[in-house]
Amino acid sequence: MKNCVILLFLFCACIKYVSCHADQIINEKLTNLVFLSCNYQKGKKNETLIKSVEKRKPQLMLWIGDYFYSECKELKCLNEVYDYIKKDPFYIGLKKKFVIDGIYDDHDYNKNNGDRLYEHKKESKTQYLNYLNVPKNDVRYKRNGAYISKLYIDPENEKNQVKIIILDTRYNKDPYPFYAPDSYHDTLMHIFLSFVVRFHAALFGLHCNSNNDILGNEQWTWLERELTNSKARAHIVISSTQVKGPEGRING
């Protein structure tokens, strides 16, 4: 009888775990969060932004791309930016006042229009996670990408669940089927050429049959598992690149 009770308990525990599957499970009722993106670290500091966010008293700040803008694709530029923001009052204030998580886009990935071919992508991912003080046992350190799911469960009502799914749309992304400049420091001719190619590709529907991928097989499988039979009442899916832009002419 005792063995049956133990087995029954384990069976129920497994059912509960499956219904609440996520990389991270947080026993907290999530009601208030904010989204931010795209901040040039040496630009004018917007202290009113911090004050505005403070008034909302968010439980979580999701920075969904371009936490800063690197000046080149070499590691020295990435190191320089992290050294800068670690001492900058604006960024220090953000980390001190708010719980921050999120994902890089191309500029904080360290290459404009960066993709899976970027030679320093592992170092970039590690530096990003280290900066956010992500624990070393976090699954993102071992993954091919910094994607993760976070499930918030209301302790007073377990049916109140919110799942946040943060995608990595850079680490496994195939290169664009058309020319894209590596940096804003490219010549005006390169940037103009890129614009013309993208404009005509969108206008005439070129590359619509491209087999290029964004997430990679491993992340697609993970995403399907996160959504299948999920008991969450709300799903927040984060993509650092635009899912729907104006006729595809603008890239995040």
Protein backbone atom coordinates (compact mmCIF):
# COMPACT_ATOMS: atom_id res chain seq x y z
CA MET A 1 0.00 0.00 0.00
CA LYS A 2 2.83 2.34 0.90
CA ASN A 3 4.54 1.66 -2.43
CA CYS A 4 1.29 2.35 -4.27
CA VAL A 5 0.92 5.70 -2.53
CA ILE A 6 4.49 6.65 -3.42
CA LEU A 7 3.99 5.65 -7.05
CA LEU A 8 0.71 7.54 -7.20
CA PHE A 9 2.41 10.63 -5.79
CA LEU A 10 5.23 10.42 -8.33
CA PHE A 11 2.73 9.91 -11.15
CA CYS A 12 0.77 13.00 -10.13
CA ALA A 13 3.97 14.98 -9.77
CA CYS A 14 5.02 14.00 -13.29
CA ILE A 15 1.64 15.02 -14.69
CA LYS A 16 1.93 18.37 -12.96
CA TYR A 17 5.47 18.85 -14.30
CA VAL A 18 4.44 18.05 -17.88
CA SER A 19 1.53 20.48 -17.73
CA CYS A 20 3.87 23.19 -16.41
CA HIS A 21 6.81 22.55 -18.71
CA ALA A 22 9.25 25.41 -19.24
CA ASP A 23 12.98 26.05 -18.92
CA GLN A 24 12.29 28.19 -15.87
CA ILE A 25 9.27 28.00 -13.58
CA ILE A 26 8.66 31.05 -11.41
CA ASN A 27 6.05 30.85 -8.67
CA GLU A 28 4.86 34.41 -9.02
CA LYS A 29 1.76 36.06 -10.45
CA LEU A 30 2.94 38.07 -13.46
CA THR A 31 0.83 41.16 -14.05
CA ASN A 32 3.27 43.90 -15.04
CA LEU A 33 6.21 43.89 -17.42
CA VAL A 34 7.83 46.30 -19.87
CA PHE A 35 9.59 45.97 -23.23
CA LEU A 36 12.57 48.04 -24.33
CA SER A 37 14.95 47.97 -27.27
CA CYS A 38 17.42 49.97 -29.35
CA ASN A 39 19.60 52.22 -27.22
CA TYR A 40 22.85 53.82 -28.38
CA GLN A 41 25.05 53.72 -25.31
CA LYS A 42 26.87 56.99 -26.07
CA GLY A 43 23.78 58.94 -27.05
CA LYS A 44 21.80 61.33 -24.90
CA LYS A 45 20.83 59.60 -21.67
CA ASN A 46 17.11 59.57 -21.21
CA GLU A 47 16.67 59.66 -17.44
CA THR A 48 12.98 60.31 -17.98
CA LEU A 49 12.81 56.83 -19.49
CA ILE A 50 13.98 55.23 -16.25
CA LYS A 51 11.56 57.35 -14.23
CA SER A 52 8.72 56.45 -16.57
CA VAL A 53 9.46 52.74 -16.23
CA GLU A 54 9.81 53.08 -12.46
CA LYS A 55 6.28 54.46 -12.22
CA ARG A 56 4.97 51.27 -13.78
CA LYS A 57 6.78 49.15 -11.15
CA PRO A 58 7.41 46.25 -13.55
CA GLN A 59 8.19 42.80 -12.23
CA LEU A 60 10.28 42.18 -15.33
CA MET A 61 12.02 44.27 -17.98
CA LEU A 62 12.45 42.50 -21.29
CA TRP A 63 15.12 44.10 -23.46
CA ILE A 64 14.36 42.63 -26.86
CA GLY A 65 17.31 43.66 -28.97
CA ASP A 66 20.06 46.23 -29.39
CA TYR A 67 20.84 46.83 -25.74
CA PHE A 68 23.74 48.78 -27.20
CA TYR A 69 25.37 49.43 -30.58
CA SER A 70 28.78 47.93 -31.26
CA GLU A 71 31.06 49.83 -33.64
CA CYS A 72 32.52 46.81 -35.46
CA LYS A 73 32.25 43.03 -35.64
CA GLU A 74 35.58 42.31 -33.93
CA LEU A 75 35.74 41.09 -30.33
CA LYS A 76 37.66 44.18 -29.26
CA CYS A 77 34.62 46.32 -30.09
CA LEU A 78 32.33 44.04 -28.10
CA ASN A 79 34.68 44.13 -25.12
CA GLU A 80 34.91 47.92 -25.32
CA VAL A 81 31.13 48.31 -25.24
CA TYR A 82 30.70 46.02 -22.25
CA ASP A 83 33.50 47.83 -20.42
CA TYR A 84 31.69 51.09 -21.16
CA ILE A 85 28.17 50.13 -20.08
CA LYS A 86 29.43 48.45 -16.90
CA LYS A 87 30.58 51.92 -15.77
CA ASP A 88 27.82 54.00 -17.34
CA PRO A 89 25.30 55.43 -14.80
CA PHE A 90 22.34 54.84 -17.14
CA TYR A 91 23.02 51.13 -17.55
CA ILE A 92 24.02 50.72 -13.91
CA GLY A 93 20.68 52.27 -12.98
CA LEU A 94 18.78 49.85 -15.20
CA LYS A 95 20.40 46.79 -13.64
CA LYS A 96 20.04 48.15 -10.12
CA LYS A 97 16.35 49.06 -10.37
CA PHE A 98 14.90 46.33 -12.58
CA VAL A 99 14.95 42.58 -13.19
CA ILE A 100 16.23 42.36 -16.76
CA ASP A 101 16.11 39.51 -19.24
CA GLY A 102 15.82 39.36 -22.99
CA ILE A 103 17.76 38.66 -26.14
CA TYR A 104 20.27 40.39 -28.37
CA ASP A 105 19.57 41.57 -31.90
CA ASP A 106 22.29 42.25 -34.45
CA HIS A 107 24.10 45.24 -32.91
CA ASP A 108 24.51 43.76 -29.44
CA TYR A 109 25.20 40.40 -31.14
CA ASN A 110 28.14 42.44 -32.45
CA LYS A 111 27.54 42.38 -36.19
CA ASN A 112 25.07 44.38 -38.25
CA ASN A 113 22.68 41.89 -39.86
CA GLY A 114 24.55 39.14 -38.01
CA ASP A 115 23.65 35.48 -38.52
CA ARG A 116 24.90 31.93 -37.86
CA LEU A 117 28.11 32.56 -39.78
CA TYR A 118 29.34 35.22 -37.36
CA GLU A 119 32.68 33.89 -36.14
CA HIS A 120 32.39 35.24 -32.59
CA LYS A 121 28.80 34.24 -31.87
CA LYS A 122 29.69 31.94 -28.94
CA GLU A 123 31.71 34.65 -27.23
CA SER A 124 28.95 37.17 -27.90
CA LYS A 125 26.29 34.96 -26.34
CA THR A 126 28.42 34.24 -23.28
CA GLN A 127 29.23 37.90 -22.69
CA TYR A 128 25.56 38.82 -22.99
CA LEU A 129 24.49 36.22 -20.42
CA ASN A 130 27.33 37.11 -18.09
CA TYR A 131 26.40 40.78 -18.20
CA LEU A 132 22.81 39.98 -17.20
CA ASN A 133 24.18 37.89 -14.31
CA VAL A 134 22.54 34.74 -15.63
CA PRO A 135 23.54 31.81 -13.36
CA LYS A 136 26.17 29.49 -14.82
CA ASN A 137 23.83 26.50 -14.62
CA ASP A 138 21.32 28.23 -16.89
CA VAL A 139 20.45 26.14 -19.94
CA ARG A 140 21.31 28.99 -22.31
CA TYR A 141 25.04 28.57 -21.78
CA LYS A 142 24.88 25.07 -23.30
CA ARG A 143 22.42 25.78 -26.08
CA ASN A 144 23.08 26.79 -29.65
CA GLY A 145 21.52 30.16 -28.95
CA ALA A 146 20.20 32.19 -26.03
CA TYR A 147 16.55 31.16 -26.39
CA ILE A 148 14.58 30.29 -23.26
CA SER A 149 11.07 29.90 -21.84
CA LYS A 150 9.90 31.28 -18.51
CA LEU A 151 6.62 30.16 -16.94
CA TYR A 152 5.04 32.36 -14.29
CA ILE A 153 2.52 30.55 -12.08
CA ASP A 154 0.19 32.34 -9.70
CA PRO A 155 0.73 30.66 -6.28
CA GLU A 156 -2.89 31.36 -5.33
CA ASN A 157 -4.35 29.95 -8.55
CA GLU A 158 -2.19 27.55 -10.57
CA LYS A 159 -4.45 27.99 -13.59
CA ASN A 160 -3.19 31.55 -13.92
CA GLN A 161 -0.05 30.90 -15.96
CA VAL A 162 1.87 33.18 -18.29
CA LYS A 163 4.60 31.73 -20.49
CA ILE A 164 7.29 33.97 -21.95
CA ILE A 165 9.12 32.44 -24.92
CA ILE A 166 12.29 34.30 -25.89
CA LEU A 167 13.56 33.34 -29.35
CA ASP A 168 17.09 33.75 -30.65
CA THR A 169 16.73 34.94 -34.24
CA ARG A 170 20.45 35.54 -34.86
CA TYR A 171 22.51 32.58 -33.63
CA ASN A 172 21.12 30.02 -36.13
CA LYS A 173 19.82 32.36 -38.80
CA ASP A 174 20.82 31.73 -42.40
CA PRO A 175 22.39 34.66 -44.26
CA TYR A 176 20.07 36.93 -46.24
CA PRO A 177 19.62 35.84 -49.87
CA PHE A 178 20.52 39.41 -50.85
CA TYR A 179 23.34 41.80 -49.99
CA ALA A 180 23.27 43.33 -46.50
CA PRO A 181 26.00 45.65 -45.15
CA ASP A 182 28.10 44.47 -42.20
CA SER A 183 28.09 47.81 -40.47
CA TYR A 184 26.82 51.37 -40.61
CA HIS A 185 30.44 52.33 -41.32
CA ASP A 186 30.15 50.89 -44.82
CA THR A 187 30.29 53.41 -47.62
CA LEU A 188 27.13 55.20 -48.65
CA MET A 189 27.27 53.30 -51.92
CA HIS A 190 27.11 49.95 -50.08
CA ILE A 191 24.19 51.12 -47.94
CA PHE A 192 22.36 52.54 -50.98
CA LEU A 193 22.91 49.29 -52.89
CA SER A 194 21.49 47.32 -49.97
CA PHE A 195 18.41 49.54 -49.88
CA VAL A 196 17.81 49.20 -53.63
CA VAL A 197 18.13 45.41 -53.51
CA ARG A 198 15.78 45.07 -50.53
CA PHE A 199 13.24 47.48 -52.01
CA HIS A 200 13.03 45.60 -55.30
CA ALA A 201 12.99 42.24 -53.54
CA ALA A 202 9.94 43.35 -51.53
CA LEU A 203 8.28 45.10 -54.47
CA PHE A 204 8.53 42.17 -56.89
CA GLY A 205 8.34 39.34 -54.36
CA LEU A 206 11.86 38.12 -55.00
CA HIS A 207 13.27 35.41 -52.71
CA CYS A 208 9.76 34.46 -51.59
CA ASN A 209 10.62 30.81 -52.25
CA SER A 210 13.85 30.95 -50.29
CA ASN A 211 14.50 27.97 -48.01
CA ASN A 212 16.52 30.06 -45.58
CA ASP A 213 15.85 29.42 -41.90
CA ILE A 214 15.90 31.70 -38.87
CA LEU A 215 15.70 29.48 -35.78
CA GLY A 216 17.44 26.26 -36.81
CA ASN A 217 16.08 22.71 -36.32
CA GLU A 218 16.94 22.48 -32.64
CA GLN A 219 15.15 25.71 -31.74
CA TRP A 220 12.13 24.89 -33.92
CA THR A 221 11.73 21.56 -32.11
CA TRP A 222 12.05 23.30 -28.75
CA LEU A 223 9.48 25.95 -29.73
CA GLU A 224 6.96 23.33 -30.83
CA ARG A 225 7.40 21.51 -27.53
CA GLU A 226 6.91 24.73 -25.57
CA LEU A 227 3.60 25.48 -27.30
CA THR A 228 2.17 21.97 -27.58
CA ASN A 229 -0.28 21.21 -24.76
CA SER A 230 0.82 24.31 -22.87
CA LYS A 231 -1.55 25.16 -20.02
CA ALA A 232 -0.59 28.83 -19.95
CA ARG A 233 -3.44 31.29 -20.37
CA ALA A 234 -1.17 33.76 -22.14
CA HIS A 235 1.91 33.26 -24.29
CA ILE A 236 4.33 36.10 -24.95
CA VAL A 237 6.69 35.24 -27.81
CA ILE A 238 9.73 37.50 -28.14
CA SER A 239 11.55 38.02 -31.44
CA SER A 240 14.34 40.58 -31.71
CA THR A 241 13.80 40.85 -35.46
CA GLN A 242 10.58 42.11 -37.00
CA VAL A 243 7.91 39.52 -37.57
CA LYS A 244 5.79 41.87 -39.65
CA GLY A 245 7.32 44.96 -41.23
CA PRO A 246 6.02 47.42 -43.83
CA GLU A 247 6.09 45.18 -46.92
CA GLY A 248 9.35 43.64 -45.74
CA ARG A 249 11.40 46.73 -46.60
CA ILE A 250 12.73 47.39 -43.12
CA ASN A 251 14.73 45.01 -40.97
CA GLY A 252 15.03 45.32 -37.19
